[in-house]
All heavy atoms as atom14 arrays in JSON, in Angstrom:
{
  "sequence": "ELFFRPEDAALTDPAASHLRGVIEQATFLGERTR",
  "atom14_mask": [
    [1, 1, 1, 1, 1, 1, 1, 1, 1, 0, 0, 0, 0, 0],
    [1, 1, 1, 1, 1, 1, 1, 1, 0, 0, 0, 0, 0, 0],
    [1, 1, 1, 1, 1, 1, 1, 1, 1, 1, 1, 0, 0, 0],
    [1, 1, 1, 1, 1, 1, 1, 1, 1, 1, 1, 0, 0, 0],
    [1, 1, 1, 1, 1, 1, 1, 1, 1, 1, 1, 0, 0, 0],
    [1, 1, 1, 1, 1, 1, 1, 0, 0, 0, 0, 0, 0, 0],
    [1, 1, 1, 1, 1, 1, 1, 1, 1, 0, 0, 0, 0, 0],
    [1, 1, 1, 1, 1, 1, 1, 1, 0, 0, 0, 0, 0, 0],
    [1, 1, 1, 1, 1, 0, 0, 0, 0, 0, 0, 0, 0, 0],
    [1, 1, 1, 1, 1, 0, 0, 0, 0, 0, 0, 0, 0, 0],
    [1, 1, 1, 1, 1, 1, 1, 1, 0, 0, 0, 0, 0, 0],
    [1, 1, 1, 1, 1, 1, 1, 0, 0, 0, 0, 0, 0, 0],
    [1, 1, 1, 1, 1, 1, 1, 1, 0, 0, 0, 0, 0, 0],
    [1, 1, 1, 1, 1, 1, 1, 0, 0, 0, 0, 0, 0, 0],
    [1, 1, 1, 1, 1, 0, 0, 0, 0, 0, 0, 0, 0, 0],
    [1, 1, 1, 1, 1, 0, 0, 0, 0, 0, 0, 0, 0, 0],
    [1, 1, 1, 1, 1, 1, 0, 0, 0, 0, 0, 0, 0, 0],
    [1, 1, 1, 1, 1, 1, 1, 1, 1, 1, 0, 0, 0, 0],
    [1, 1, 1, 1, 1, 1, 1, 1, 0, 0, 0, 0, 0, 0],
    [1, 1, 1, 1, 1, 1, 1, 1, 1, 1, 1, 0, 0, 0],
    [1, 1, 1, 1, 0, 0, 0, 0, 0, 0, 0, 0, 0, 0],
    [1, 1, 1, 1, 1, 1, 1, 0, 0, 0, 0, 0, 0, 0],
    [1, 1, 1, 1, 1, 1, 1, 1, 0, 0, 0, 0, 0, 0],
    [1, 1, 1, 1, 1, 1, 1, 1, 1, 0, 0, 0, 0, 0],
    [1, 1, 1, 1, 1, 1, 1, 1, 1, 0, 0, 0, 0, 0],
    [1, 1, 1, 1, 1, 0, 0, 0, 0, 0, 0, 0, 0, 0],
    [1, 1, 1, 1, 1, 1, 1, 0, 0, 0, 0, 0, 0, 0],
    [1, 1, 1, 1, 1, 1, 1, 1, 1, 1, 1, 0, 0, 0],
    [1, 1, 1, 1, 1, 1, 1, 1, 0, 0, 0, 0, 0, 0],
    [1, 1, 1, 1, 0, 0, 0, 0, 0, 0, 0, 0, 0, 0],
    [1, 1, 1, 1, 1, 1, 1, 1, 1, 0, 0, 0, 0, 0],
    [1, 1, 1, 1, 1, 1, 1, 1, 1, 1, 1, 0, 0, 0],
    [1, 1, 1, 1, 1, 1, 1, 0, 0, 0, 0, 0, 0, 0],
    [1, 1, 1, 1, 1, 1, 1, 1, 1, 1, 1, 0, 0, 0]
  ],
  "atom14_positions": [
    [[142.44, 202.54, -45.15], [142.98, 203.92, -45.1], [144.35, 203.89, -44.68], [144.78, 203.11, -43.8], [142.16, 204.78, -44.06], [140.71, 205.04, -44.48], [140.09, 205.99, -43.45], [140.29, 205.74, -42.23], [139.22, 206.77, -43.78], [0.0, 0.0, 0.0], [0.0, 0.0, 0.0], [0.0, 0.0, 0.0], [0.0, 0.0, 0.0], [0.0, 0.0, 0.0]],
    [[145.17, 204.8, -45.19], [146.53, 205.01, -44.83], [146.7, 206.57, -44.73], [145.93, 207.33, -45.41], [147.57, 204.42, -45.72], [147.67, 202.92, -45.78], [148.68, 202.45, -46.9], [148.18, 202.28, -44.44], [0.0, 0.0, 0.0], [0.0, 0.0, 0.0], [0.0, 0.0, 0.0], [0.0, 0.0, 0.0], [0.0, 0.0, 0.0], [0.0, 0.0, 0.0]],
    [[147.74, 207.03, -44.01], [147.87, 208.46, -43.78], [149.4, 208.74, -44.05], [150.25, 207.98, -43.9], [147.49, 208.87, -42.37], [146.07, 208.51, -42.08], [145.77, 207.25, -41.63], [145.03, 209.49, -42.2], [144.32, 206.91, -41.37], [143.7, 209.15, -41.92], [143.44, 207.86, -41.44], [0.0, 0.0, 0.0], [0.0, 0.0, 0.0], [0.0, 0.0, 0.0]],
    [[149.61, 210.07, -44.42], [151.03, 210.45, -44.5], [151.03, 212.07, -44.31], [150.11, 212.8, -44.35], [151.62, 210.12, -45.91], [151.07, 210.92, -47.03], [151.62, 212.05, -47.52], [149.92, 210.49, -47.66], [151.18, 212.72, -48.57], [149.34, 211.19, -48.75], [149.92, 212.26, -49.19], [0.0, 0.0, 0.0], [0.0, 0.0, 0.0], [0.0, 0.0, 0.0]],
    [[152.23, 212.5, -43.96], [152.54, 213.91, -43.66], [152.92, 214.66, -45.05], [153.43, 214.01, -45.91], [153.64, 214.07, -42.69], [153.55, 213.38, -41.35], [152.43, 214.05, -40.55], [152.36, 213.6, -39.19], [151.45, 213.95, -38.38], [150.6, 214.76, -38.63], [151.43, 213.39, -37.09], [0.0, 0.0, 0.0], [0.0, 0.0, 0.0], [0.0, 0.0, 0.0]],
    [[152.62, 215.95, -45.11], [152.82, 216.65, -46.31], [154.3, 216.64, -46.83], [154.55, 216.68, -48.08], [152.38, 218.1, -46.05], [151.43, 217.95, -44.93], [151.93, 216.81, -44.08], [0.0, 0.0, 0.0], [0.0, 0.0, 0.0], [0.0, 0.0, 0.0], [0.0, 0.0, 0.0], [0.0, 0.0, 0.0], [0.0, 0.0, 0.0], [0.0, 0.0, 0.0]],
    [[155.24, 216.6, -45.96], [156.65, 216.63, -46.45], [157.17, 215.27, -46.82], [158.23, 215.08, -47.41], [157.5, 217.18, -45.3], [157.55, 216.22, -44.04], [156.48, 216.39, -43.05], [155.43, 217.09, -43.35], [156.61, 215.97, -41.87], [0.0, 0.0, 0.0], [0.0, 0.0, 0.0], [0.0, 0.0, 0.0], [0.0, 0.0, 0.0], [0.0, 0.0, 0.0]],
    [[156.35, 214.17, -46.74], [156.74, 212.78, -47.07], [156.3, 212.42, -48.41], [156.3, 211.26, -48.88], [156.24, 211.87, -46.07], [156.99, 211.89, -44.75], [158.21, 212.22, -44.68], [156.36, 211.86, -43.67], [0.0, 0.0, 0.0], [0.0, 0.0, 0.0], [0.0, 0.0, 0.0], [0.0, 0.0, 0.0], [0.0, 0.0, 0.0], [0.0, 0.0, 0.0]],
    [[155.84, 213.32, -49.28], [155.44, 213.06, -50.61], [156.29, 214.0, -51.55], [156.66, 215.17, -51.18], [153.99, 213.29, -50.91], [0.0, 0.0, 0.0], [0.0, 0.0, 0.0], [0.0, 0.0, 0.0], [0.0, 0.0, 0.0], [0.0, 0.0, 0.0], [0.0, 0.0, 0.0], [0.0, 0.0, 0.0], [0.0, 0.0, 0.0], [0.0, 0.0, 0.0]],
    [[156.63, 213.47, -52.74], [157.4, 214.22, -53.76], [156.68, 214.25, -55.05], [155.89, 213.35, -55.35], [158.78, 213.63, -53.87], [0.0, 0.0, 0.0], [0.0, 0.0, 0.0], [0.0, 0.0, 0.0], [0.0, 0.0, 0.0], [0.0, 0.0, 0.0], [0.0, 0.0, 0.0], [0.0, 0.0, 0.0], [0.0, 0.0, 0.0], [0.0, 0.0, 0.0]],
    [[156.87, 215.34, -55.88], [156.27, 215.42, -57.11], [157.08, 214.64, -58.11], [158.27, 214.67, -58.06], [156.14, 216.92, -57.6], [155.36, 217.82, -56.7], [155.23, 219.21, -57.34], [153.92, 217.29, -56.55], [0.0, 0.0, 0.0], [0.0, 0.0, 0.0], [0.0, 0.0, 0.0], [0.0, 0.0, 0.0], [0.0, 0.0, 0.0], [0.0, 0.0, 0.0]],
    [[156.39, 213.89, -59.05], [157.08, 213.11, -60.08], [156.4, 213.32, -61.35], [155.28, 213.97, -61.42], [157.12, 211.68, -59.61], [155.77, 211.21, -59.53], [157.83, 211.35, -58.39], [0.0, 0.0, 0.0], [0.0, 0.0, 0.0], [0.0, 0.0, 0.0], [0.0, 0.0, 0.0], [0.0, 0.0, 0.0], [0.0, 0.0, 0.0], [0.0, 0.0, 0.0]],
    [[156.99, 212.8, -62.43], [156.36, 212.73, -63.76], [155.08, 211.96, -63.79], [155.1, 210.77, -63.43], [157.39, 212.19, -64.75], [156.85, 212.09, -66.19], [155.66, 212.56, -66.4], [157.55, 211.72, -67.07], [0.0, 0.0, 0.0], [0.0, 0.0, 0.0], [0.0, 0.0, 0.0], [0.0, 0.0, 0.0], [0.0, 0.0, 0.0], [0.0, 0.0, 0.0]],
    [[153.9, 212.62, -64.05], [152.64, 211.83, -63.95], [152.6, 210.61, -64.87], [151.95, 209.73, -64.64], [151.56, 212.93, -64.37], [152.39, 214.02, -65.0], [153.79, 214.06, -64.41], [0.0, 0.0, 0.0], [0.0, 0.0, 0.0], [0.0, 0.0, 0.0], [0.0, 0.0, 0.0], [0.0, 0.0, 0.0], [0.0, 0.0, 0.0], [0.0, 0.0, 0.0]],
    [[153.43, 210.75, -66.03], [153.3, 209.57, -66.97], [154.01, 208.35, -66.41], [153.71, 207.2, -66.89], [154.07, 210.06, -68.3], [0.0, 0.0, 0.0], [0.0, 0.0, 0.0], [0.0, 0.0, 0.0], [0.0, 0.0, 0.0], [0.0, 0.0, 0.0], [0.0, 0.0, 0.0], [0.0, 0.0, 0.0], [0.0, 0.0, 0.0], [0.0, 0.0, 0.0]],
    [[154.91, 208.51, -65.41], [155.6, 207.35, -64.84], [155.3, 207.12, -63.39], [155.96, 206.5, -62.69], [157.14, 207.58, -65.03], [0.0, 0.0, 0.0], [0.0, 0.0, 0.0], [0.0, 0.0, 0.0], [0.0, 0.0, 0.0], [0.0, 0.0, 0.0], [0.0, 0.0, 0.0], [0.0, 0.0, 0.0], [0.0, 0.0, 0.0], [0.0, 0.0, 0.0]],
    [[154.14, 207.68, -62.92], [153.81, 207.61, -61.48], [152.69, 206.61, -61.19], [151.73, 206.52, -61.99], [153.29, 209.0, -61.07], [154.39, 209.9, -61.09], [0.0, 0.0, 0.0], [0.0, 0.0, 0.0], [0.0, 0.0, 0.0], [0.0, 0.0, 0.0], [0.0, 0.0, 0.0], [0.0, 0.0, 0.0], [0.0, 0.0, 0.0], [0.0, 0.0, 0.0]],
    [[152.75, 206.05, -60.04], [151.63, 205.13, -59.57], [150.44, 205.95, -59.15], [149.34, 205.51, -59.36], [152.1, 204.38, -58.28], [153.05, 203.28, -58.62], [152.75, 202.13, -59.21], [154.4, 203.21, -58.31], [153.76, 201.32, -59.27], [154.87, 201.96, -58.74], [0.0, 0.0, 0.0], [0.0, 0.0, 0.0], [0.0, 0.0, 0.0], [0.0, 0.0, 0.0]],
    [[150.65, 207.22, -58.7], [149.58, 207.98, -58.2], [149.61, 209.4, -58.89], [150.59, 209.97, -58.96], [149.74, 208.18, -56.73], [148.57, 208.91, -55.9], [147.33, 208.03, -56.01], [148.99, 209.01, -54.45], [0.0, 0.0, 0.0], [0.0, 0.0, 0.0], [0.0, 0.0, 0.0], [0.0, 0.0, 0.0], [0.0, 0.0, 0.0], [0.0, 0.0, 0.0]],
    [[148.43, 209.81, -59.3], [148.37, 211.08, -60.14], [147.23, 211.95, -59.62], [146.26, 211.47, -59.2], [148.16, 210.78, -61.62], [149.44, 210.02, -62.31], [148.94, 209.52, -63.66], [148.03, 208.49, -63.49], [148.25, 207.2, -63.19], [149.53, 206.81, -62.94], [147.31, 206.29, -63.16], [0.0, 0.0, 0.0], [0.0, 0.0, 0.0], [0.0, 0.0, 0.0]],
    [[147.43, 213.23, -59.88], [146.46, 214.22, -59.45], [146.58, 215.52, -60.16], [147.52, 215.68, -61.06], [0.0, 0.0, 0.0], [0.0, 0.0, 0.0], [0.0, 0.0, 0.0], [0.0, 0.0, 0.0], [0.0, 0.0, 0.0], [0.0, 0.0, 0.0], [0.0, 0.0, 0.0], [0.0, 0.0, 0.0], [0.0, 0.0, 0.0], [0.0, 0.0, 0.0]],
    [[145.88, 216.6, -59.78], [145.91, 217.86, -60.33], [146.02, 218.9, -59.27], [145.33, 218.86, -58.3], [144.63, 218.09, -61.21], [144.66, 219.56, -61.76], [144.56, 217.13, -62.33], [0.0, 0.0, 0.0], [0.0, 0.0, 0.0], [0.0, 0.0, 0.0], [0.0, 0.0, 0.0], [0.0, 0.0, 0.0], [0.0, 0.0, 0.0], [0.0, 0.0, 0.0]],
    [[146.91, 219.93, -59.52], [147.09, 221.05, -58.52], [145.83, 221.93, -58.53], [145.37, 222.43, -59.54], [148.28, 221.77, -58.81], [149.56, 220.94, -58.61], [148.35, 223.08, -57.88], [150.83, 221.67, -59.04], [0.0, 0.0, 0.0], [0.0, 0.0, 0.0], [0.0, 0.0, 0.0], [0.0, 0.0, 0.0], [0.0, 0.0, 0.0], [0.0, 0.0, 0.0]],
    [[145.18, 221.97, -57.38], [144.03, 222.9, -57.24], [144.41, 224.19, -56.59], [143.74, 225.22, -56.88], [143.06, 222.19, -56.3], [142.42, 220.86, -56.83], [141.37, 220.25, -55.87], [141.42, 220.68, -54.74], [140.71, 219.4, -56.35], [0.0, 0.0, 0.0], [0.0, 0.0, 0.0], [0.0, 0.0, 0.0], [0.0, 0.0, 0.0], [0.0, 0.0, 0.0]],
    [[145.51, 224.18, -55.82], [145.88, 225.55, -55.14], [147.42, 225.37, -54.86], [147.91, 224.36, -54.47], [145.04, 225.79, -53.91], [145.4, 227.1, -53.22], [144.48, 227.32, -52.1], [143.28, 226.73, -52.0], [144.87, 228.21, -51.18], [0.0, 0.0, 0.0], [0.0, 0.0, 0.0], [0.0, 0.0, 0.0], [0.0, 0.0, 0.0], [0.0, 0.0, 0.0]],
    [[148.06, 226.54, -54.99], [149.49, 226.58, -54.58], [149.65, 227.83, -53.74], [149.44, 228.98, -54.16], [150.45, 226.7, -55.71], [0.0, 0.0, 0.0], [0.0, 0.0, 0.0], [0.0, 0.0, 0.0], [0.0, 0.0, 0.0], [0.0, 0.0, 0.0], [0.0, 0.0, 0.0], [0.0, 0.0, 0.0], [0.0, 0.0, 0.0], [0.0, 0.0, 0.0]],
    [[150.11, 227.67, -52.49], [150.27, 228.68, -51.56], [151.71, 228.91, -51.19], [152.36, 228.01, -50.57], [149.46, 228.51, -50.28], [148.13, 228.19, -50.64], [149.59, 229.64, -49.23], [0.0, 0.0, 0.0], [0.0, 0.0, 0.0], [0.0, 0.0, 0.0], [0.0, 0.0, 0.0], [0.0, 0.0, 0.0], [0.0, 0.0, 0.0], [0.0, 0.0, 0.0]],
    [[152.23, 230.07, -51.5], [153.75, 230.33, -51.3], [153.79, 230.75, -49.8], [153.3, 231.73, -49.25], [154.25, 231.44, -52.16], [155.69, 231.72, -51.91], [156.72, 230.93, -52.14], [155.94, 233.09, -51.47], [158.04, 231.27, -51.88], [157.31, 233.52, -51.21], [158.29, 232.54, -51.4], [0.0, 0.0, 0.0], [0.0, 0.0, 0.0], [0.0, 0.0, 0.0]],
    [[154.75, 230.02, -49.02], [154.9, 230.26, -47.59], [156.39, 230.66, -47.32], [156.84, 230.56, -46.11], [154.53, 229.04, -46.75], [153.06, 228.64, -46.91], [152.76, 227.22, -46.22], [152.1, 229.67, -46.39], [0.0, 0.0, 0.0], [0.0, 0.0, 0.0], [0.0, 0.0, 0.0], [0.0, 0.0, 0.0], [0.0, 0.0, 0.0], [0.0, 0.0, 0.0]],
    [[157.07, 231.14, -48.22], [158.54, 231.52, -48.05], [159.48, 230.25, -48.24], [159.94, 230.06, -49.41], [0.0, 0.0, 0.0], [0.0, 0.0, 0.0], [0.0, 0.0, 0.0], [0.0, 0.0, 0.0], [0.0, 0.0, 0.0], [0.0, 0.0, 0.0], [0.0, 0.0, 0.0], [0.0, 0.0, 0.0], [0.0, 0.0, 0.0], [0.0, 0.0, 0.0]],
    [[159.7, 229.65, -47.2], [160.69, 228.5, -47.3], [160.14, 227.24, -48.02], [160.86, 226.37, -48.46], [161.25, 228.17, -45.94], [160.32, 227.17, -45.16], [159.22, 228.0, -44.5], [159.18, 229.27, -44.6], [158.37, 227.42, -43.74], [0.0, 0.0, 0.0], [0.0, 0.0, 0.0], [0.0, 0.0, 0.0], [0.0, 0.0, 0.0], [0.0, 0.0, 0.0]],
    [[158.77, 227.23, -48.24], [158.16, 226.12, -48.87], [156.91, 226.65, -49.59], [156.35, 227.68, -49.31], [157.77, 224.99, -47.92], [156.61, 225.39, -46.98], [156.41, 224.31, -45.81], [155.2, 224.49, -45.11], [155.05, 225.2, -44.14], [156.1, 226.06, -43.65], [153.82, 225.36, -43.4], [0.0, 0.0, 0.0], [0.0, 0.0, 0.0], [0.0, 0.0, 0.0]],
    [[156.38, 225.88, -50.49], [155.17, 226.09, -51.18], [154.13, 224.96, -50.9], [154.59, 223.76, -51.02], [155.31, 226.19, -52.77], [156.04, 227.37, -53.06], [153.96, 226.23, -53.34], [0.0, 0.0, 0.0], [0.0, 0.0, 0.0], [0.0, 0.0, 0.0], [0.0, 0.0, 0.0], [0.0, 0.0, 0.0], [0.0, 0.0, 0.0], [0.0, 0.0, 0.0]],
    [[153.05, 225.32, -50.32], [151.99, 224.15, -50.01], [151.09, 223.97, -51.12], [150.43, 224.95, -51.5], [151.34, 224.6, -48.65], [150.26, 223.63, -48.32], [150.06, 223.62, -46.8], [151.11, 222.87, -46.12], [151.02, 222.51, -44.81], [149.89, 222.89, -44.12], [152.04, 221.81, -44.26], [0.0, 0.0, 0.0], [0.0, 0.0, 0.0], [0.0, 0.0, 0.0]]
  ]
}
């Protein structure tokens, strides 16, 4: 297991990424979207 904080990941092109997933939920929080 490894762990990371939400702000330490960035979105990239899934075709060129080591790690891929699908957005299940997007919550607008003003200065950021979670």
